[in-house]
């Protein structure tokens, strides 16, 4: 990827706060590009606005806690549907 080239992908994650029990899912646009010295640059966006990486230091929007577990997308919805709902 040349310095001026950019690639954008979408990633979704589920989160569970181990402090207050709040759980949520979030979709991110991930912008990948190559910096001036060939380094790989990654930028996460939500609604077009840059946000910190959800993988390095997530924080709970409910309590502000940082004891947050990152899970595969769909995990929160599957738990909310519960057993017997036909969810995988």
Protein backbone atom coordinates (compact mmCIF):
# COMPACT_ATOMS: atom_id res chain seq x y z
CA UNK A 1 0.00 0.00 0.00
CA UNK A 2 1.57 3.32 -1.04
CA UNK A 3 1.73 6.23 1.38
CA UNK A 4 -1.27 7.96 -0.19
CA UNK A 5 -3.39 4.79 -0.35
CA UNK A 6 -6.07 4.05 2.22
CA UNK A 7 -8.26 1.08 2.83
CA UNK A 8 -11.34 1.15 5.02
CA UNK A 9 -13.00 -1.89 6.53
CA UNK A 10 -15.74 -2.40 9.09
CA UNK A 11 -15.36 -4.39 12.29
CA UNK A 12 -17.88 -5.09 15.03
CA UNK A 13 -17.19 -6.13 18.59
CA UNK A 14 -19.25 -6.99 21.66
CA UNK A 15 -18.18 -5.71 25.07
CA UNK A 16 -19.01 -6.69 28.65
CA UNK A 17 -18.04 -4.55 31.63
CA UNK A 18 -16.76 -6.67 34.50
CA UNK A 19 -17.32 -3.79 36.94
CA UNK A 20 -21.01 -2.98 36.43
CA UNK A 21 -22.26 -5.80 34.16
CA UNK A 22 -23.27 -3.52 31.28
CA UNK A 23 -22.91 -5.06 27.81
CA UNK A 24 -23.04 -3.51 24.36
CA UNK A 25 -22.02 -3.94 20.75
CA UNK A 26 -20.30 -1.39 18.55
CA UNK A 27 -19.44 -1.19 14.86
CA UNK A 28 -16.23 0.58 13.82
CA UNK A 29 -14.84 1.79 10.54
CA UNK A 30 -11.16 0.89 10.47
CA UNK A 31 -8.95 3.04 8.29
CA UNK A 32 -5.65 1.43 7.28
CA UNK A 33 -2.86 3.35 5.60
CA UNK A 34 0.88 3.44 5.28
CA UNK A 35 2.77 6.28 6.94
CA UNK A 36 5.60 8.34 5.46
CA UNK A 37 8.24 5.87 6.65
CA UNK A 38 6.36 2.75 5.60
CA UNK A 39 4.77 2.13 8.98
CA UNK A 40 1.24 0.75 9.18
CA UNK A 41 -1.25 3.26 10.60
CA UNK A 42 -4.65 2.19 11.91
CA UNK A 43 -7.44 4.58 12.87
CA UNK A 44 -10.80 3.59 14.34
CA UNK A 45 -13.87 5.72 13.62
CA UNK A 46 -17.45 5.72 14.89
CA UNK A 47 -19.88 7.91 12.98
CA UNK A 48 -16.95 9.39 11.07
CA UNK A 49 -15.20 10.53 14.28
CA UNK A 50 -11.88 9.10 15.44
CA UNK A 51 -12.05 7.02 18.63
CA UNK A 52 -9.43 5.09 20.61
CA UNK A 53 -8.85 1.49 19.58
CA UNK A 54 -11.48 -0.71 21.21
CA UNK A 55 -8.87 -3.45 21.57
CA UNK A 56 -6.17 -1.65 23.56
CA UNK A 57 -7.99 0.14 26.39
CA UNK A 58 -11.78 -0.12 26.18
CA UNK A 59 -13.90 1.77 28.69
CA UNK A 60 -17.50 1.21 29.73
CA UNK A 61 -19.94 3.90 28.55
CA UNK A 62 -22.14 3.11 31.57
CA UNK A 63 -19.69 3.38 34.50
CA UNK A 64 -16.42 4.52 32.87
CA UNK A 65 -14.68 1.38 34.13
CA UNK A 66 -11.79 -0.23 32.30
CA UNK A 67 -12.40 -3.85 33.30
CA UNK A 68 -14.02 -4.57 29.94
CA UNK A 69 -14.00 -7.88 28.11
CA UNK A 70 -13.94 -7.69 24.30
CA UNK A 71 -15.98 -10.47 22.67
CA UNK A 72 -16.89 -11.55 19.14
CA UNK A 73 -19.67 -9.54 17.52
CA UNK A 74 -23.11 -11.04 18.12
CA UNK A 75 -22.25 -12.37 21.57
CA UNK A 76 -24.35 -9.81 23.46
CA UNK A 77 -27.40 -10.32 21.26
CA UNK A 78 -27.12 -14.11 21.57
CA UNK A 79 -27.03 -13.90 25.37
CA UNK A 80 -29.97 -11.49 25.45
CA UNK A 81 -32.05 -13.89 23.31
CA UNK A 82 -31.30 -16.63 25.81
CA UNK A 83 -31.52 -20.41 25.59
CA UNK A 84 -34.22 -21.96 23.46
CA UNK A 85 -34.44 -18.93 21.17
CA UNK A 86 -32.90 -20.78 18.26
CA UNK A 87 -29.72 -18.70 18.49
CA UNK A 88 -26.50 -20.48 17.56
